[in-house]
Amino acid sequence: MRIYLKICLGIFLAFFIFTGCIGHLGSSCALEQENRVPGEGVFHCVQKGQTLWKIAQVYKVPLQKLCADNHLKSAHQIYAGQKLWISGGKRVLSVPATCSVLAFSWPLQGEVIRNFGQDGLKRCEGIDIQAPAGTIVQAAAPGQVIYASSDLKGYGKIIILQHQGGYTTVYAHNQENLVQVNRTVLAKEAIARVGQSGDDGGAYLHFEIRYQQKAFDPISYLP
């Protein structure tokens, strides 16, 4: 069932998603030692327009590991001139500049009752945030509504927003969708109400952040 849902959602995102702006190649700084053991990695100097996601992709390092190695609480905590330790890197690589990563906010306040990733035989492509039924769900960033329906089996009523730079956010198991397709919304604008159509019957929001169809841990992007 989880595989079916993943494929189904992927089809919709593949149809609606666009890749955003096209960046130029940025330069990188030389290897720094700074209390690191030579040969175990390299320092990458962040250039204007580079995002943590793109740096992780180029160096083939998991985003979560890059955050942990550099003591970053979220993927937004980088700036031009910052030195990032790339564990296991053999040499400094050129990273394309992209559109600036969005400043995502929590869609609602509540306890995270299911984390991103593998959970036994099941895989969660986002996080589940517990909240009373009817609680307002807010847009995590400004964007456009590209899907608002209940046609995706297993997701209940669902809203999908398209954001700049190829990002999408998913809000599922809603009691009510408050916006329609093609509507442009602001950050923190009300877009839905929490429902309880999930597997366990409780009231919660299923929330995903995707970049060019691929799901990433929302916790890495949230303040």
Protein backbone atom coordinates (compact mmCIF):
# COMPACT_ATOMS: atom_id res chain seq x y z
CA MET A 1 0.00 0.00 0.00
CA ARG A 2 2.84 2.41 0.92
CA ILE A 3 4.57 1.69 -2.38
CA TYR A 4 1.32 2.36 -4.25
CA LEU A 5 0.82 5.67 -2.44
CA LYS A 6 4.41 6.74 -3.13
CA ILE A 7 4.07 5.98 -6.85
CA CYS A 8 0.67 7.67 -7.03
CA LEU A 9 1.88 10.87 -5.35
CA GLY A 10 5.03 10.83 -7.49
CA ILE A 11 2.94 10.78 -10.67
CA PHE A 12 1.02 13.88 -9.60
CA LEU A 13 4.16 15.75 -8.56
CA ALA A 14 5.96 14.76 -11.77
CA PHE A 15 3.10 16.26 -13.75
CA PHE A 16 2.86 19.53 -11.87
CA ILE A 17 6.42 20.28 -10.77
CA PHE A 18 8.78 22.71 -12.42
CA THR A 19 12.50 22.97 -11.76
CA GLY A 20 12.78 26.69 -10.97
CA CYS A 21 15.63 28.92 -11.97
CA ILE A 22 18.80 27.76 -13.69
CA GLY A 23 21.93 28.67 -11.75
CA HIS A 24 25.50 29.27 -12.78
CA LEU A 25 28.57 27.42 -11.58
CA GLY A 26 30.08 28.87 -8.42
CA SER A 27 33.66 28.58 -7.24
CA SER A 28 34.74 26.78 -4.04
CA CYS A 29 37.40 27.56 -1.49
CA ALA A 30 40.51 25.45 -0.90
CA LEU A 31 40.92 22.72 1.68
CA GLU A 32 41.14 23.99 5.26
CA GLN A 33 42.51 22.00 8.20
CA GLU A 34 40.85 23.70 11.21
CA ASN A 35 41.13 20.86 13.71
CA ARG A 36 40.10 18.22 11.16
CA VAL A 37 42.21 15.21 10.28
CA PRO A 38 43.60 15.55 6.70
CA GLY A 39 42.32 12.90 4.32
CA GLU A 40 39.00 12.40 6.13
CA GLY A 41 37.18 15.14 4.27
CA VAL A 42 37.35 18.65 2.83
CA PHE A 43 36.04 22.10 3.63
CA HIS A 44 33.63 23.60 1.11
CA CYS A 45 33.32 27.38 1.12
CA VAL A 46 29.70 28.35 0.45
CA GLN A 47 29.23 30.69 -2.51
CA LYS A 48 26.32 33.06 -3.17
CA GLY A 49 23.29 31.20 -4.49
CA GLN A 50 24.36 27.75 -3.29
CA THR A 51 21.95 25.75 -1.14
CA LEU A 52 22.73 23.08 1.42
CA TRP A 53 20.61 20.59 -0.53
CA LYS A 54 22.63 21.15 -3.72
CA ILE A 55 25.94 20.91 -1.84
CA ALA A 56 24.84 17.61 -0.31
CA GLN A 57 23.77 16.35 -3.74
CA VAL A 58 27.06 17.25 -5.45
CA TYR A 59 29.21 15.69 -2.73
CA LYS A 60 26.83 12.71 -2.41
CA VAL A 61 26.40 13.21 1.33
CA PRO A 62 23.01 12.79 3.06
CA LEU A 63 21.50 16.16 3.95
CA GLN A 64 20.94 15.09 7.54
CA LYS A 65 24.62 14.08 7.92
CA LEU A 66 25.80 17.38 6.45
CA CYS A 67 23.64 19.23 8.98
CA ALA A 68 24.92 17.08 11.86
CA ASP A 69 28.61 17.35 10.90
CA ASN A 70 28.33 21.15 10.81
CA HIS A 71 26.02 21.52 13.84
CA LEU A 72 23.22 23.00 11.74
CA LYS A 73 19.70 22.83 13.13
CA SER A 74 18.12 23.36 9.73
CA ALA A 75 19.01 23.49 6.03
CA HIS A 76 18.64 27.30 6.08
CA GLN A 77 21.62 27.98 8.32
CA ILE A 78 24.20 28.64 5.62
CA TYR A 79 25.58 31.86 4.15
CA ALA A 80 28.14 32.97 1.56
CA GLY A 81 31.67 32.54 2.87
CA GLN A 82 30.74 29.86 5.42
CA LYS A 83 33.02 26.80 5.55
CA LEU A 84 31.21 23.45 5.61
CA TRP A 85 32.98 20.23 6.54
CA ILE A 86 32.31 17.50 3.96
CA SER A 87 33.08 14.23 5.69
CA GLY A 88 34.65 11.72 3.30
CA GLY A 89 35.18 14.29 0.55
CA LYS A 90 38.30 13.68 -1.56
CA ARG A 91 38.54 17.13 -3.15
CA VAL A 92 36.68 20.40 -3.32
CA LEU A 93 33.96 20.31 -5.99
CA SER A 94 32.19 23.00 -7.98
CA VAL A 95 28.56 23.41 -6.87
CA PRO A 96 25.99 25.11 -9.15
CA ALA A 97 24.22 28.12 -7.71
CA THR A 98 20.44 27.67 -7.50
CA CYS A 99 17.45 29.64 -6.35
CA SER A 100 17.68 30.47 -2.66
CA VAL A 101 16.15 27.85 -0.44
CA LEU A 102 12.79 28.86 0.99
CA ALA A 103 12.28 29.72 4.62
CA PHE A 104 9.70 27.11 5.57
CA SER A 105 7.61 27.44 8.72
CA TRP A 106 5.63 24.87 10.70
CA PRO A 107 2.16 24.35 9.19
CA LEU A 108 0.74 24.07 12.72
CA GLN A 109 1.85 23.54 16.29
CA GLY A 110 1.68 20.03 17.69
CA GLU A 111 3.60 16.93 18.67
CA VAL A 112 5.38 14.99 15.92
CA ILE A 113 3.98 11.48 16.34
CA ARG A 114 5.62 9.89 13.29
CA ASN A 115 9.05 10.77 11.95
CA PHE A 116 10.40 10.76 8.41
CA GLY A 117 11.96 7.55 7.11
CA GLN A 118 11.65 3.83 7.64
CA ASP A 119 9.49 2.66 10.52
CA GLY A 120 9.53 -1.13 10.59
CA LEU A 121 7.99 -2.35 7.35
CA LYS A 122 6.51 1.05 6.57
CA ARG A 123 8.16 4.19 5.24
CA CYS A 124 6.91 7.68 6.03
CA GLU A 125 7.65 10.24 3.32
CA GLY A 126 7.05 13.13 5.72
CA ILE A 127 6.07 13.69 9.33
CA ASP A 128 2.75 13.37 11.15
CA ILE A 129 1.87 16.27 13.47
CA GLN A 130 -0.82 15.62 16.06
CA ALA A 131 -3.43 18.32 16.63
CA PRO A 132 -7.15 18.49 17.48
CA ALA A 133 -9.53 17.89 14.58
CA GLY A 134 -10.45 21.18 12.94
CA THR A 135 -7.17 22.93 13.77
CA ILE A 136 -6.14 25.40 11.06
CA VAL A 137 -3.33 24.21 8.76
CA GLN A 138 -1.14 27.00 7.39
CA ALA A 139 0.96 27.17 4.23
CA ALA A 140 4.59 26.47 5.16
CA ALA A 141 5.80 28.94 2.50
CA PRO A 142 4.28 31.14 -0.21
CA GLY A 143 3.23 29.24 -3.31
CA GLN A 144 0.48 28.08 -5.63
CA VAL A 145 -2.09 25.36 -5.06
CA ILE A 146 -1.49 22.68 -7.70
CA TYR A 147 -3.69 19.97 -6.18
CA ALA A 148 -6.69 20.07 -3.84
CA SER A 149 -8.83 16.96 -3.74
CA SER A 150 -9.28 13.52 -2.18
CA ASP A 151 -8.38 11.44 -5.23
CA LEU A 152 -5.06 10.13 -3.86
CA LYS A 153 -6.03 6.95 -2.04
CA GLY A 154 -4.62 6.75 1.47
CA TYR A 155 -4.07 10.51 1.85
CA GLY A 156 -7.61 11.64 2.55
CA LYS A 157 -8.29 15.22 1.55
CA ILE A 158 -4.97 16.65 0.42
CA ILE A 159 -3.43 19.98 -0.57
CA ILE A 160 -0.21 20.24 -2.61
CA LEU A 161 1.55 23.59 -2.94
CA GLN A 162 4.19 24.43 -5.54
CA HIS A 163 6.94 26.80 -4.37
CA GLN A 164 9.80 28.56 -6.12
CA GLY A 165 12.93 26.60 -6.96
CA GLY A 166 11.24 23.24 -7.54
CA TYR A 167 9.93 22.68 -4.00
CA THR A 168 6.50 21.30 -3.14
CA THR A 169 4.77 20.79 0.19
CA VAL A 170 2.06 18.22 0.90
CA TYR A 171 -0.72 18.53 3.53
CA ALA A 172 -2.80 15.36 3.91
CA HIS A 173 -5.64 13.79 5.94
CA ASN A 174 -7.46 17.12 6.08
CA GLN A 175 -10.94 17.49 7.46
CA GLU A 176 -11.55 20.32 5.00
CA ASN A 177 -9.57 21.96 2.21
CA LEU A 178 -9.92 25.75 2.34
CA VAL A 179 -8.25 26.65 -0.97
CA GLN A 180 -8.75 25.64 -4.58
CA VAL A 181 -6.38 24.73 -7.42
CA ASN A 182 -4.49 27.70 -8.98
CA ARG A 183 -4.92 29.82 -5.86
CA THR A 184 -1.77 31.71 -4.85
CA VAL A 185 -1.25 31.63 -1.10
CA LEU A 186 0.98 33.51 1.32
CA ALA A 187 3.19 31.96 3.98
CA LYS A 188 1.12 31.01 7.05
CA GLU A 189 -2.15 31.51 5.18
CA ALA A 190 -4.93 29.11 6.24
CA ILE A 191 -5.29 26.34 3.64
CA ALA A 192 -6.98 23.43 5.45
CA ARG A 193 -8.26 21.98 8.72
CA VAL A 194 -6.81 18.95 10.49
CA GLY A 195 -8.76 15.73 9.95
CA GLN A 196 -8.51 12.13 11.09
CA SER A 197 -8.55 9.95 7.98
CA GLY A 198 -5.16 8.34 8.69
CA ASP A 199 -4.47 4.70 9.46
CA ASP A 200 -4.68 5.01 13.25
CA GLY A 201 -7.91 7.05 13.29
CA GLY A 202 -6.42 9.91 15.32
CA ALA A 203 -6.41 13.55 14.31
CA TYR A 204 -3.14 14.69 12.75
CA LEU A 205 -1.61 16.40 9.71
CA HIS A 206 0.64 14.44 7.37
CA PHE A 207 3.21 16.96 6.08
CA GLU A 208 5.87 16.50 3.39
CA ILE A 209 8.56 18.68 1.81
CA ARG A 210 9.75 17.56 -1.63
CA TYR A 211 12.38 18.86 -4.01
CA GLN A 212 11.92 17.85 -7.65
CA GLN A 213 9.65 14.97 -6.58
CA LYS A 214 12.00 13.52 -3.95
CA ALA A 215 10.88 13.65 -0.31
CA PHE A 216 13.21 15.05 2.36
CA ASP A 217 12.93 15.14 6.13
CA PRO A 218 10.84 18.27 6.91
CA ILE A 219 12.59 18.63 10.27
CA SER A 220 15.79 19.58 8.41
CA TYR A 221 13.96 22.54 6.84
CA LEU A 222 11.84 23.76 9.74
CA PRO A 223 13.01 26.35 12.32
